[in-house]
Amino acid sequence: VSPLPQEELEHLNEANADINRGELELDAARSAYRRILSESARKLNSQGSQLGNCIERARPYYEARRRAKEAQQETQRAALRYERAVGMHNAAREMVFVAEQGVAAGKNRLDPTWQEMLNHATRKVNEAEEERVRSEREHQRVTRLCQEAEAEVQALQKSLKRVILRSKPYFELKAQFNQILEEHKSKVTSLESRVSQAKTRYSVALRNLEQISEQIHARRLQRLLQRRESPVGAESSPRHSSPESRGADLGAECPAGDSLSVLSLQTVASDLQKFDSVEHLVGISDAASLGSDELGERERRRSLRHHRSVSL
């Protein structure tokens, strides 16, 4: 096996092993996730049965806390976008200042390069200014939403203080299960990604092996065709040799008694590939051109040659 197919075979085997190992781990992780989910639901249901309707009465408070947390995270992202926009705006203004100084110089006053640089810097300032204003407005909007969510949490905490305290064990247990389930979910997602990558590597290696196999078969077929065509090529090759050497070659290839028959077969094979016209032979008579003795001698030779050819 050549190095390239051997290397692709190793890649194929490695990817196949990774797929098998990854799928086993993935099945185990999914089973663990389903088991923890089932146990969590059973325990939470048991806890809810003990606490009664205080859980549903306190649920709006916990929903408001969730919305407030999401609004706070969005406010932090908007603040980062605003800071980035302010930095880009300041950098663009500095670029405009440098370009203006270059254009103001006496030797660069008519230089088109400095003019183009100034125009480009001016466009960047305008774009950065628009982004800064837009991000500032977005930051103000999400900040207002965050403040409203926090105010709602405070109001619900005051009005639902008693039921919040009574339902606290349930929601604390729910938060613990949520964290465990999130960890297992991340593990399942990671294993799914790893198995998918291994399957991709397996497909690539398999496709490469198929291409290599097709190339090998094509080369073998080409060599086979060349080997079958080699006698015709040898016959038509422009090799010059004397009659004595040709006779010696024929004598080396066959027994001495069959040299005439071999020569006749090669001549016939060569003549079969030549499409000469025979119309000029219509008016020619053998009796007119040859004497009776010579004609009889040729007939005997033709009969002898035919007999030897058939004997082969």
Foldseek 3Di string as FASTA:
>chain_A
DDPVLVVLVVLLVVLVVLLVVLVVVLVVLVVVLVVLVVVLVVVLVVVDVVLDPLCVVCVVLVVLVVQLVVLVVQLVVLVVQLVVLVVQLVVLVVQLVVLVVQCPDPVNVPPVVSVVSNVVSVVSNVVSVVSNVVSVVVSVVSVVVSVVSVVVSVVSCVVSVVSCVSCVVSVVSVVVSVVVSVVSVVVSVVSVVSSVVSVVSNVVSVVVSVVVVVVVVVVVVVVVVCVVCVVVCVVPPPDDDDPVVVLVVLVVVDPPVLSLLVVVVVVVVVVVVDDDDPPVVPPDDPPVPDPPVVVVVVVVVVVVNVVSNVVD
